[in-house]
Amino acid sequence: MGLHTNWHKTKIQNIGIGYAPRTVHIYNQAVETVSRFTYLGSDIDSDGNSYPEIHRRQQRLSLSIKLRIYTSLLQWVVSYGCETWTMCKVDCDRIQSFHMQALRRSLGIRWYDKVSNAVVNERTKLPDRQTSFIIWSHLSPTGEHTCFAGTATVNRSPHRHSWKCPPGCPRTNWLQQVEENIGLSVGAARIAGQDRSMWRTL
């Protein structure tokens, strides 16, 4: 048929239990013995493990694809239901830590590389604060009716005279969190939410 075997591209491999086979000579050509071989685009390891193949494909993902996966999937999973969160500094720092770890893993940066967060943000072109995404969710026009339609009430306990305030500053409630994020009172935000052009400027 006029077909010939390319012995330079032909390899011998043992997969699974057993010793590696010896090199074979055919027509004065040495057929090399290997422990890894790429066949039809897939890496086949002699141990039968899939880790080399998975690792090889992860290395082939571009930075833009990694960042798109992070912003479209992981970011939404981490911040699911954040419209009802009342954030404090410890929570913001924890979310920010996860955000920077995800960006560093996307860039392949290790802790011993001594790369600052400013350099990471410059290379990824993403906001430097993950909490800004949560603040945007608080102020999203799609949730305007849920955010500002209700009013806050305080339960009047008949035994309130025996209750004492805990030490420290009082905790910020959800409405106060929204007012802090938007810079307006709840009443002014409700009015601004009725005008889409005004809401976009905010």
N, C-alpha and C. Protein backbone atom coordinates (compact mmCIF):
# COMPACT_ATOMS: atom_id res chain seq x y z
N MET A 1 0.83 -1.22 0.00
CA MET A 1 0.00 0.00 0.00
C MET A 1 0.86 1.26 0.00
N GLY A 2 2.17 1.12 0.10
CA GLY A 2 3.05 2.27 0.09
C GLY A 2 3.15 2.98 1.44
N LEU A 3 2.67 2.36 2.53
CA LEU A 3 2.74 2.95 3.86
C LEU A 3 3.99 2.45 4.58
N HIS A 4 4.60 3.33 5.35
CA HIS A 4 5.81 2.97 6.09
C HIS A 4 5.66 3.44 7.53
N THR A 5 6.26 2.72 8.45
CA THR A 5 6.23 3.07 9.87
C THR A 5 7.38 4.01 10.19
N ASN A 6 7.05 5.10 10.88
CA ASN A 6 8.08 6.03 11.34
C ASN A 6 8.57 5.54 12.70
N TRP A 7 9.71 4.90 12.70
CA TRP A 7 10.20 4.28 13.93
C TRP A 7 10.70 5.32 14.94
N HIS A 8 10.99 6.53 14.48
CA HIS A 8 11.39 7.57 15.42
C HIS A 8 10.20 8.04 16.27
N LYS A 9 8.99 7.96 15.71
CA LYS A 9 7.80 8.36 16.45
C LYS A 9 7.12 7.20 17.15
N THR A 10 7.59 6.00 16.90
CA THR A 10 7.00 4.82 17.52
C THR A 10 7.70 4.53 18.85
N LYS A 11 6.91 4.31 19.90
CA LYS A 11 7.46 4.07 21.23
C LYS A 11 6.85 2.80 21.82
N ILE A 12 7.53 2.26 22.81
CA ILE A 12 7.04 1.09 23.56
C ILE A 12 6.79 1.53 24.99
N GLN A 13 5.62 1.18 25.50
CA GLN A 13 5.25 1.61 26.84
C GLN A 13 4.48 0.50 27.54
N ASN A 14 4.81 0.30 28.82
CA ASN A 14 4.09 -0.65 29.65
C ASN A 14 3.18 0.14 30.60
N ILE A 15 1.89 -0.16 30.58
CA ILE A 15 0.92 0.55 31.40
C ILE A 15 0.44 -0.39 32.50
N GLY A 16 0.55 0.05 33.73
CA GLY A 16 0.10 -0.76 34.85
C GLY A 16 1.26 -1.45 35.54
N ILE A 17 0.97 -2.59 36.14
CA ILE A 17 1.97 -3.33 36.92
C ILE A 17 2.94 -4.05 35.99
N GLY A 18 4.19 -4.05 36.36
CA GLY A 18 5.20 -4.76 35.58
C GLY A 18 6.41 -3.89 35.29
N TYR A 19 7.47 -4.53 34.83
CA TYR A 19 8.69 -3.81 34.52
C TYR A 19 8.59 -3.16 33.14
N ALA A 20 9.35 -2.11 32.97
CA ALA A 20 9.40 -1.45 31.67
C ALA A 20 10.04 -2.37 30.64
N PRO A 21 9.49 -2.48 29.46
CA PRO A 21 10.06 -3.37 28.44
C PRO A 21 11.40 -2.83 27.93
N ARG A 22 12.15 -3.70 27.37
CA ARG A 22 13.44 -3.31 26.81
C ARG A 22 13.26 -2.66 25.44
N THR A 23 14.29 -1.94 25.06
CA THR A 23 14.28 -1.31 23.73
C THR A 23 14.37 -2.38 22.65
N VAL A 24 13.56 -2.24 21.62
CA VAL A 24 13.48 -3.21 20.54
C VAL A 24 14.11 -2.61 19.28
N HIS A 25 14.86 -3.42 18.55
CA HIS A 25 15.46 -2.98 17.29
C HIS A 25 14.75 -3.65 16.13
N ILE A 26 14.22 -2.87 15.20
CA ILE A 26 13.52 -3.38 14.03
C ILE A 26 14.12 -2.70 12.81
N TYR A 27 14.59 -3.50 11.89
CA TYR A 27 15.23 -2.98 10.67
C TYR A 27 16.32 -1.97 11.03
N ASN A 28 17.13 -2.33 12.01
CA ASN A 28 18.24 -1.49 12.46
C ASN A 28 17.76 -0.16 13.05
N GLN A 29 16.49 -0.07 13.43
CA GLN A 29 15.94 1.12 14.06
C GLN A 29 15.56 0.77 15.51
N ALA A 30 15.99 1.61 16.45
CA ALA A 30 15.70 1.39 17.86
C ALA A 30 14.35 2.00 18.21
N VAL A 31 13.44 1.15 18.70
CA VAL A 31 12.14 1.62 19.17
C VAL A 31 12.27 1.92 20.66
N GLU A 32 12.20 3.19 21.02
CA GLU A 32 12.49 3.66 22.38
C GLU A 32 11.39 3.25 23.36
N THR A 33 11.79 2.96 24.61
CA THR A 33 10.86 2.68 25.69
C THR A 33 10.63 3.95 26.50
N VAL A 34 9.35 4.29 26.74
CA VAL A 34 9.01 5.53 27.45
C VAL A 34 8.04 5.21 28.59
N SER A 35 7.96 6.15 29.54
CA SER A 35 7.00 6.03 30.65
C SER A 35 5.78 6.93 30.45
N ARG A 36 5.90 7.92 29.56
CA ARG A 36 4.77 8.78 29.20
C ARG A 36 4.74 8.93 27.69
N PHE A 37 3.52 8.94 27.15
CA PHE A 37 3.40 9.03 25.71
C PHE A 37 2.11 9.78 25.37
N THR A 38 2.21 10.70 24.43
CA THR A 38 1.04 11.47 23.99
C THR A 38 0.43 10.78 22.78
N TYR A 39 -0.79 10.27 22.97
CA TYR A 39 -1.47 9.52 21.91
C TYR A 39 -2.81 10.17 21.63
N LEU A 40 -2.99 10.64 20.39
CA LEU A 40 -4.22 11.31 19.97
C LEU A 40 -4.57 12.48 20.89
N GLY A 41 -3.53 13.22 21.28
CA GLY A 41 -3.74 14.41 22.09
C GLY A 41 -3.85 14.18 23.57
N SER A 42 -3.76 12.94 24.04
CA SER A 42 -3.87 12.62 25.46
C SER A 42 -2.56 12.05 25.98
N ASP A 43 -2.18 12.48 27.18
CA ASP A 43 -0.98 11.97 27.82
C ASP A 43 -1.30 10.67 28.54
N ILE A 44 -0.60 9.61 28.19
CA ILE A 44 -0.79 8.30 28.81
C ILE A 44 0.41 8.03 29.70
N ASP A 45 0.15 7.80 30.98
CA ASP A 45 1.21 7.55 31.96
C ASP A 45 1.30 6.07 32.24
N SER A 46 2.52 5.58 32.45
CA SER A 46 2.70 4.16 32.71
C SER A 46 2.05 3.71 34.00
N ASP A 47 1.90 4.60 34.97
CA ASP A 47 1.25 4.25 36.22
C ASP A 47 -0.26 4.16 36.09
N GLY A 48 -0.80 4.61 34.98
CA GLY A 48 -2.24 4.59 34.79
C GLY A 48 -2.97 5.74 35.44
N ASN A 49 -2.23 6.73 35.96
CA ASN A 49 -2.85 7.88 36.61
C ASN A 49 -3.25 8.93 35.58
N SER A 50 -4.27 9.70 35.92
CA SER A 50 -4.75 10.76 35.04
C SER A 50 -4.19 12.12 35.41
N TYR A 51 -3.42 12.19 36.51
CA TYR A 51 -2.92 13.50 36.96
C TYR A 51 -2.07 14.20 35.90
N PRO A 52 -1.11 13.51 35.24
CA PRO A 52 -0.30 14.22 34.23
C PRO A 52 -1.14 14.82 33.11
N GLU A 53 -2.19 14.09 32.70
CA GLU A 53 -3.05 14.60 31.62
C GLU A 53 -3.85 15.81 32.09
N ILE A 54 -4.41 15.74 33.31
CA ILE A 54 -5.18 16.87 33.84
C ILE A 54 -4.28 18.07 34.05
N HIS A 55 -3.10 17.87 34.61
CA HIS A 55 -2.17 18.96 34.85
C HIS A 55 -1.73 19.61 33.54
N ARG A 56 -1.51 18.80 32.52
CA ARG A 56 -1.08 19.35 31.23
C ARG A 56 -2.16 20.22 30.62
N ARG A 57 -3.41 19.83 30.75
CA ARG A 57 -4.49 20.63 30.18
C ARG A 57 -4.71 21.91 30.97
N GLN A 58 -4.53 21.87 32.30
CA GLN A 58 -4.67 23.09 33.09
C GLN A 58 -3.60 24.10 32.72
N GLN A 59 -2.40 23.62 32.40
CA GLN A 59 -1.32 24.53 32.03
C GLN A 59 -1.60 25.20 30.70
N ARG A 60 -2.44 24.59 29.88
CA ARG A 60 -2.71 25.15 28.56
C ARG A 60 -3.78 26.24 28.58
N LEU A 61 -4.49 26.40 29.71
CA LEU A 61 -5.51 27.44 29.79
C LEU A 61 -4.86 28.81 29.84
N SER A 62 -5.35 29.73 29.04
CA SER A 62 -4.82 31.08 29.04
C SER A 62 -5.31 31.85 30.25
N LEU A 63 -4.65 32.95 30.55
CA LEU A 63 -5.03 33.76 31.70
C LEU A 63 -6.43 34.34 31.53
N SER A 64 -6.78 34.74 30.33
CA SER A 64 -8.11 35.32 30.10
C SER A 64 -9.20 34.30 30.38
N ILE A 65 -8.98 33.02 30.01
CA ILE A 65 -9.99 31.99 30.26
C ILE A 65 -10.10 31.72 31.76
N LYS A 66 -8.97 31.68 32.46
CA LYS A 66 -9.00 31.46 33.91
C LYS A 66 -9.76 32.57 34.62
N LEU A 67 -9.53 33.81 34.20
CA LEU A 67 -10.22 34.93 34.84
C LEU A 67 -11.70 34.94 34.50
N ARG A 68 -12.06 34.52 33.29
CA ARG A 68 -13.47 34.45 32.92
C ARG A 68 -14.18 33.37 33.74
N ILE A 69 -13.51 32.25 33.97
CA ILE A 69 -14.11 31.20 34.80
C ILE A 69 -14.29 31.69 36.23
N TYR A 70 -13.31 32.43 36.73
CA TYR A 70 -13.39 32.93 38.10
C TYR A 70 -14.52 33.94 38.26
N THR A 71 -14.60 34.90 37.34
CA THR A 71 -15.61 35.96 37.48
C THR A 71 -17.02 35.46 37.17
N SER A 72 -17.16 34.44 36.32
CA SER A 72 -18.49 33.98 35.94
C SER A 72 -19.00 32.83 36.80
N LEU A 73 -18.11 32.10 37.49
CA LEU A 73 -18.53 30.96 38.30
C LEU A 73 -18.17 31.12 39.77
N LEU A 74 -16.88 31.15 40.07
CA LEU A 74 -16.44 31.15 41.46
C LEU A 74 -16.89 32.39 42.21
N GLN A 75 -16.80 33.54 41.55
CA GLN A 75 -17.18 34.78 42.22
C GLN A 75 -18.64 34.78 42.63
N TRP A 76 -19.50 34.22 41.79
CA TRP A 76 -20.92 34.18 42.11
C TRP A 76 -21.23 33.15 43.19
N VAL A 77 -20.47 32.04 43.21
CA VAL A 77 -20.68 31.03 44.25
C VAL A 77 -20.30 31.59 45.61
N VAL A 78 -19.15 32.28 45.68
CA VAL A 78 -18.68 32.82 46.95
C VAL A 78 -19.61 33.89 47.48
N SER A 79 -20.16 34.70 46.60
CA SER A 79 -20.98 35.84 47.03
C SER A 79 -22.48 35.57 46.90
N TYR A 80 -22.88 34.29 46.81
CA TYR A 80 -24.30 33.98 46.67
C TYR A 80 -25.08 34.46 47.89
N GLY A 81 -26.15 35.20 47.66
CA GLY A 81 -26.96 35.73 48.75
C GLY A 81 -26.36 36.93 49.46
N CYS A 82 -25.34 37.56 48.86
CA CYS A 82 -24.65 38.67 49.53
C CYS A 82 -25.53 39.92 49.63
N GLU A 83 -26.68 39.93 48.93
CA GLU A 83 -27.55 41.09 49.02
C GLU A 83 -28.08 41.30 50.44
N THR A 84 -28.09 40.26 51.25
CA THR A 84 -28.61 40.36 52.62
C THR A 84 -27.51 40.40 53.66
N TRP A 85 -26.24 40.43 53.24
CA TRP A 85 -25.14 40.42 54.19
C TRP A 85 -24.97 41.79 54.85
N THR A 86 -24.57 41.77 56.10
CA THR A 86 -24.10 42.97 56.79
C THR A 86 -22.63 42.76 57.08
N MET A 87 -21.79 43.43 56.32
CA MET A 87 -20.36 43.16 56.34
C MET A 87 -19.67 43.90 57.49
N CYS A 88 -18.74 43.21 58.12
CA CYS A 88 -17.83 43.85 59.07
C CYS A 88 -16.41 43.66 58.55
N LYS A 89 -15.44 44.27 59.21
CA LYS A 89 -14.08 44.27 58.68
C LYS A 89 -13.50 42.86 58.58
N VAL A 90 -13.80 42.00 59.56
CA VAL A 90 -13.27 40.64 59.52
C VAL A 90 -13.82 39.89 58.30
N ASP A 91 -15.11 40.06 58.01
CA ASP A 91 -15.70 39.41 56.84
C ASP A 91 -15.09 39.94 55.54
N CYS A 92 -14.91 41.26 55.46
CA CYS A 92 -14.30 41.85 54.25
C CYS A 92 -12.88 41.34 54.04
N ASP A 93 -12.11 41.24 55.11
CA ASP A 93 -10.73 40.76 54.99
C ASP A 93 -10.71 39.30 54.55
N ARG A 94 -11.64 38.50 55.05
CA ARG A 94 -11.66 37.09 54.68
C ARG A 94 -12.01 36.90 53.20
N ILE A 95 -12.99 37.66 52.73
CA ILE A 95 -13.37 37.57 51.32
C ILE A 95 -12.26 38.11 50.43
N GLN A 96 -11.62 39.20 50.88
CA GLN A 96 -10.52 39.76 50.10
C GLN A 96 -9.36 38.78 50.01
N SER A 97 -9.10 38.04 51.09
CA SER A 97 -8.03 37.05 51.08
C SER A 97 -8.30 35.96 50.05
N PHE A 98 -9.55 35.48 50.00
CA PHE A 98 -9.91 34.48 48.99
C PHE A 98 -9.76 35.04 47.58
N HIS A 99 -10.17 36.30 47.40
CA HIS A 99 -10.09 36.94 46.09
C HIS A 99 -8.64 36.99 45.60
N MET A 100 -7.72 37.40 46.46
CA MET A 100 -6.32 37.51 46.05
C MET A 100 -5.70 36.14 45.85
N GLN A 101 -6.08 35.15 46.65
CA GLN A 101 -5.56 33.80 46.46
C GLN A 101 -5.99 33.23 45.11
N ALA A 102 -7.25 33.50 44.73
CA ALA A 102 -7.73 33.01 43.43
C ALA A 102 -6.97 33.66 42.28
N LEU A 103 -6.71 34.97 42.39
CA LEU A 103 -5.98 35.66 41.32
C LEU A 103 -4.53 35.18 41.26
N ARG A 104 -3.92 34.95 42.41
CA ARG A 104 -2.53 34.48 42.42
C ARG A 104 -2.41 33.07 41.83
N ARG A 105 -3.39 32.22 42.12
CA ARG A 105 -3.36 30.87 41.53
C ARG A 105 -3.56 30.94 40.02
N SER A 106 -4.38 31.87 39.57
CA SER A 106 -4.58 32.02 38.12
C SER A 106 -3.30 32.47 37.43
N LEU A 107 -2.51 33.28 38.12
CA LEU A 107 -1.25 33.77 37.56
C LEU A 107 -0.09 32.82 37.83
N GLY A 108 -0.31 31.79 38.65
CA GLY A 108 0.78 30.87 38.98
C GLY A 108 1.80 31.46 39.93
N ILE A 109 1.36 32.38 40.80
CA ILE A 109 2.26 33.05 41.74
C ILE A 109 2.19 32.32 43.08
N ARG A 110 3.35 32.01 43.65
CA ARG A 110 3.43 31.37 44.95
C ARG A 110 3.74 32.41 46.02
N TRP A 111 3.55 32.01 47.28
CA TRP A 111 3.74 32.96 48.37
C TRP A 111 5.19 33.41 48.48
N TYR A 112 6.14 32.54 48.08
CA TYR A 112 7.55 32.88 48.20
C TYR A 112 8.06 33.72 47.03
N ASP A 113 7.19 34.02 46.05
CA ASP A 113 7.62 34.86 44.93
C ASP A 113 7.68 36.34 45.29
N LYS A 114 7.09 36.70 46.43
CA LYS A 114 7.15 38.09 46.92
C LYS A 114 6.58 39.07 45.89
N VAL A 115 5.38 38.78 45.39
CA VAL A 115 4.71 39.65 44.43
C VAL A 115 3.59 40.39 45.17
N SER A 116 3.56 41.70 45.05
CA SER A 116 2.59 42.51 45.77
C SER A 116 1.20 42.39 45.14
N ASN A 117 0.17 42.76 45.92
CA ASN A 117 -1.19 42.73 45.41
C ASN A 117 -1.40 43.74 44.29
N ALA A 118 -0.67 44.86 44.34
CA ALA A 118 -0.80 45.86 43.27
C ALA A 118 -0.36 45.29 41.93
N VAL A 119 0.70 44.50 41.93
CA VAL A 119 1.17 43.87 40.69
C VAL A 119 0.14 42.86 40.19
N VAL A 120 -0.45 42.10 41.11
CA VAL A 120 -1.47 41.11 40.73
C VAL A 120 -2.68 41.80 40.10
N ASN A 121 -3.13 42.89 40.71
CA ASN A 121 -4.27 43.62 40.16
C ASN A 121 -3.96 44.23 38.80
N GLU A 122 -2.73 44.67 38.63
CA GLU A 122 -2.35 45.27 37.35
C GLU A 122 -2.32 44.22 36.24
N ARG A 123 -1.90 43.01 36.57
CA ARG A 123 -1.80 41.96 35.56
C ARG A 123 -3.17 41.36 35.23
N THR A 124 -4.07 41.30 36.19
CA THR A 124 -5.39 40.71 35.94
C THR A 124 -6.42 41.72 35.46
N LYS A 125 -6.18 43.02 35.70
CA LYS A 125 -7.12 44.08 35.31
C LYS A 125 -8.48 43.92 35.99
N LEU A 126 -8.49 43.33 37.19
CA LEU A 126 -9.72 43.18 37.95
C LEU A 126 -9.72 44.16 39.13
N PRO A 127 -10.89 44.49 39.69
CA PRO A 127 -10.93 45.39 40.84
C PRO A 127 -10.09 44.85 41.98
N ASP A 128 -9.43 45.76 42.70
CA ASP A 128 -8.54 45.33 43.75
C ASP A 128 -9.29 44.88 44.99
N ARG A 129 -10.58 45.14 45.08
CA ARG A 129 -11.35 44.74 46.25
C ARG A 129 -12.52 43.88 45.82
N GLN A 130 -12.59 42.67 46.36
CA GLN A 130 -13.72 41.81 46.08
C GLN A 130 -15.00 42.34 46.72
N THR A 131 -14.87 43.11 47.80
CA THR A 131 -16.05 43.64 48.47
C THR A 131 -16.80 44.65 47.59
N SER A 132 -16.12 45.23 46.61
CA SER A 132 -16.82 46.15 45.70
C SER A 132 -17.87 45.41 44.89
N PHE A 133 -17.64 44.12 44.61
CA PHE A 133 -18.64 43.31 43.91
C PHE A 133 -19.87 43.11 44.79
N ILE A 134 -19.66 42.91 46.10
CA ILE A 134 -20.77 42.73 47.02
C ILE A 134 -21.54 44.03 47.18
N ILE A 135 -20.82 45.16 47.25
CA ILE A 135 -21.50 46.45 47.34
C ILE A 135 -22.34 46.69 46.10
N TRP A 136 -21.83 46.31 44.93
CA TRP A 136 -22.62 46.45 43.69
C TRP A 136 -23.89 45.60 43.77
N SER A 137 -23.79 44.42 44.38
CA SER A 137 -24.98 43.57 44.50
C SER A 137 -26.01 44.21 45.43
N HIS A 138 -25.53 44.91 46.47
CA HIS A 138 -26.46 45.62 47.35
C HIS A 138 -27.23 46.70 46.60
N LEU A 139 -26.57 47.32 45.63
CA LEU A 139 -27.15 48.48 44.96
C LEU A 139 -27.69 48.14 43.58
N SER A 140 -27.77 46.85 43.25
CA SER A 140 -28.22 46.47 41.91
C SER A 140 -29.67 46.88 41.69
N PRO A 141 -29.98 47.49 40.55
CA PRO A 141 -31.37 47.89 40.28
C PRO A 141 -32.31 46.70 40.26
N THR A 142 -31.82 45.48 39.90
CA THR A 142 -32.70 44.33 39.84
C THR A 142 -33.24 43.95 41.20
N GLY A 143 -32.51 44.30 42.26
CA GLY A 143 -32.97 43.99 43.60
C GLY A 143 -33.53 45.19 44.32
N GLU A 144 -33.88 46.23 43.57
CA GLU A 144 -34.32 47.49 44.19
C GLU A 144 -35.60 47.29 44.99
N HIS A 145 -36.55 46.53 44.45
CA HIS A 145 -37.81 46.36 45.15
C HIS A 145 -37.60 45.58 46.44
N THR A 146 -36.70 44.60 46.41
CA THR A 146 -36.44 43.82 47.61
C THR A 146 -35.68 44.63 48.64
N CYS A 147 -34.75 45.46 48.17
CA CYS A 147 -33.89 46.20 49.09
C CYS A 147 -34.63 47.30 49.81
N PHE A 148 -35.47 48.05 49.11
CA PHE A 148 -36.00 49.28 49.67
C PHE A 148 -37.53 49.27 49.83
N ALA A 149 -38.17 48.15 49.56
CA ALA A 149 -39.63 48.13 49.65
C ALA A 149 -40.10 48.02 51.09
N GLY A 150 -39.31 47.40 51.96
CA GLY A 150 -39.75 47.17 53.33
C GLY A 150 -39.22 48.24 54.28
N THR A 151 -39.70 48.17 55.50
CA THR A 151 -39.24 49.08 56.53
C THR A 151 -38.76 48.26 57.72
N ALA A 152 -37.83 48.81 58.48
CA ALA A 152 -37.28 48.11 59.63
C ALA A 152 -38.09 48.43 60.86
N THR A 153 -38.37 47.42 61.66
CA THR A 153 -39.09 47.60 62.91
C THR A 153 -38.25 47.05 64.05
N VAL A 154 -38.46 47.59 65.22
CA VAL A 154 -37.74 47.16 66.41
C VAL A 154 -38.72 46.49 67.36
N ASN A 155 -38.41 45.28 67.79
CA ASN A 155 -39.28 44.55 68.71
C ASN A 155 -39.19 45.19 70.11
N ARG A 156 -40.33 45.51 70.65
CA ARG A 156 -40.38 46.12 71.97
C ARG A 156 -40.61 45.01 73.01
N SER A 157 -39.60 44.65 73.72
CA SER A 157 -39.73 43.60 74.71
C SER A 157 -40.22 44.17 76.02
N PRO A 158 -41.18 43.51 76.69
CA PRO A 158 -41.65 44.02 77.99
C PRO A 158 -40.58 43.94 79.07
N HIS A 159 -39.53 43.14 78.83
CA HIS A 159 -38.47 42.99 79.83
C HIS A 159 -37.21 43.75 79.43
N ARG A 160 -37.38 44.78 78.61
CA ARG A 160 -36.21 45.48 78.11
C ARG A 160 -35.47 46.23 79.22
N HIS A 161 -36.15 46.51 80.38
CA HIS A 161 -35.49 47.25 81.45
C HIS A 161 -34.38 46.42 82.09
N SER A 162 -34.48 45.07 81.99
CA SER A 162 -33.46 44.21 82.58
C SER A 162 -32.36 43.83 81.59
N TRP A 163 -32.47 44.31 80.38
CA TRP A 163 -31.49 43.95 79.35
C TRP A 163 -30.45 45.05 79.23
N LYS A 164 -29.19 44.67 79.09
CA LYS A 164 -28.11 45.65 78.98
C LYS A 164 -27.43 45.51 77.62
N CYS A 165 -26.97 46.64 77.09
CA CYS A 165 -26.24 46.62 75.82
C CYS A 165 -24.89 45.94 76.01
N PRO A 166 -24.47 45.13 75.06
CA PRO A 166 -23.14 44.53 75.15
C PRO A 166 -22.08 45.59 74.99
N PRO A 167 -20.87 45.35 75.48
CA PRO A 167 -19.80 46.34 75.34
C PRO A 167 -19.40 46.53 73.89
N GLY A 168 -18.86 47.69 73.60
CA GLY A 168 -18.41 47.99 72.25
C GLY A 168 -19.47 48.71 71.44
N CYS A 169 -19.11 49.02 70.19
CA CYS A 169 -20.04 49.72 69.30
C CYS A 169 -21.18 48.80 68.90
N PRO A 170 -22.39 49.34 68.71
CA PRO A 170 -23.49 48.50 68.25
C PRO A 170 -23.24 47.99 66.84
N ARG A 171 -23.75 46.81 66.55
CA ARG A 171 -23.55 46.22 65.24
C ARG A 171 -24.33 46.99 64.17
N THR A 172 -23.76 47.04 62.99
CA THR A 172 -24.43 47.68 61.87
C THR A 172 -25.50 46.77 61.31
N ASN A 173 -26.72 47.28 61.15
CA ASN A 173 -27.77 46.46 60.56
C ASN A 173 -27.71 46.57 59.04
N TRP A 174 -28.61 45.84 58.38
CA TRP A 174 -28.53 45.74 56.93
C TRP A 174 -28.85 47.08 56.25
N LEU A 175 -29.84 47.79 56.76
CA LEU A 175 -30.20 49.07 56.16
C LEU A 175 -29.07 50.09 56.31
N GLN A 176 -28.42 50.08 57.46
CA GLN A 176 -27.28 50.98 57.65
C GLN A 176 -26.14 50.62 56.70
N GLN A 177 -25.98 49.31 56.43
CA GLN A 177 -24.94 48.88 55.49
C GLN A 177 -25.23 49.40 54.09
N VAL A 178 -26.48 49.34 53.68
CA VAL A 178 -26.87 49.84 52.35
C VAL A 178 -26.65 51.35 52.27
N GLU A 179 -27.04 52.07 53.31
CA GLU A 179 -26.85 53.52 53.32
C GLU A 179 -25.38 53.88 53.26
N GLU A 180 -24.54 53.09 53.94
CA GLU A 180 -23.09 53.36 53.90
C GLU A 180 -22.53 53.11 52.52
N ASN A 181 -23.01 52.07 51.86
CA ASN A 181 -22.49 51.74 50.53
C ASN A 181 -22.89 52.77 49.48
N ILE A 182 -24.15 53.21 49.55
CA ILE A 182 -24.65 54.11 48.50
C ILE A 182 -24.43 55.57 48.83
N GLY A 183 -24.26 55.90 50.10
CA GLY A 183 -24.07 57.28 50.48
C GLY A 183 -25.35 58.09 50.55
N LEU A 184 -26.50 57.40 50.59
CA LEU A 184 -27.80 58.06 50.69
C LEU A 184 -28.63 57.36 51.74
N SER A 185 -29.66 58.05 52.21
CA SER A 185 -30.60 57.41 53.11
C SER A 185 -31.48 56.44 52.33
N VAL A 186 -32.17 55.57 53.06
CA VAL A 186 -33.02 54.58 52.40
C VAL A 186 -34.13 55.27 51.62
N GLY A 187 -34.72 56.34 52.19
CA GLY A 187 -35.78 57.05 51.48
C GLY A 187 -35.28 57.69 50.20
N ALA A 188 -34.09 58.32 50.26
CA ALA A 188 -33.54 58.94 49.04
C ALA A 188 -33.16 57.88 48.02
N ALA A 189 -32.67 56.73 48.49
CA ALA A 189 -32.30 55.65 47.55
C ALA A 189 -33.54 55.08 46.89
N ARG A 190 -34.66 54.99 47.62
CA ARG A 190 -35.90 54.49 47.03
C ARG A 190 -36.37 55.41 45.90
N ILE A 191 -36.25 56.71 46.13
CA ILE A 191 -36.66 57.67 45.09
C ILE A 191 -35.71 57.60 43.90
N ALA A 192 -34.40 57.49 44.17
CA ALA A 192 -33.42 57.42 43.08
C ALA A 192 -33.59 56.15 42.27
N GLY A 193 -34.03 55.07 42.91
CA GLY A 193 -34.21 53.81 42.19
C GLY A 193 -35.34 53.83 41.19
N GLN A 194 -36.25 54.79 41.31
CA GLN A 194 -37.36 54.89 40.36
C GLN A 194 -36.91 55.47 39.03
N ASP A 195 -35.83 56.24 39.04
CA ASP A 195 -35.30 56.86 37.82
C ASP A 195 -34.05 56.10 37.42
N ARG A 196 -34.09 55.33 36.34
CA ARG A 196 -32.96 54.49 35.95
C ARG A 196 -31.72 55.31 35.58
N SER A 197 -31.92 56.44 34.91
CA SER A 197 -30.76 57.25 34.53
C SER A 197 -30.07 57.79 35.77
N MET A 198 -30.83 58.20 36.78
CA MET A 198 -30.23 58.67 38.02
C MET A 198 -29.54 57.53 38.76
N TRP A 199 -30.16 56.34 38.71
CA TRP A 199 -29.59 55.19 39.40
C TRP A 199 -28.25 54.79 38.78
N ARG A 200 -28.16 54.88 37.47
CA ARG A 200 -26.89 54.54 36.80
C ARG A 200 -25.78 55.50 37.17
N THR A 201 -26.11 56.77 37.39
CA THR A 201 -25.08 57.73 37.79
C THR A 201 -24.57 57.42 39.19
N LEU A 202 -25.44 56.86 40.05
CA LEU A 202 -24.99 56.48 41.38
C LEU A 202 -24.04 55.29 41.33
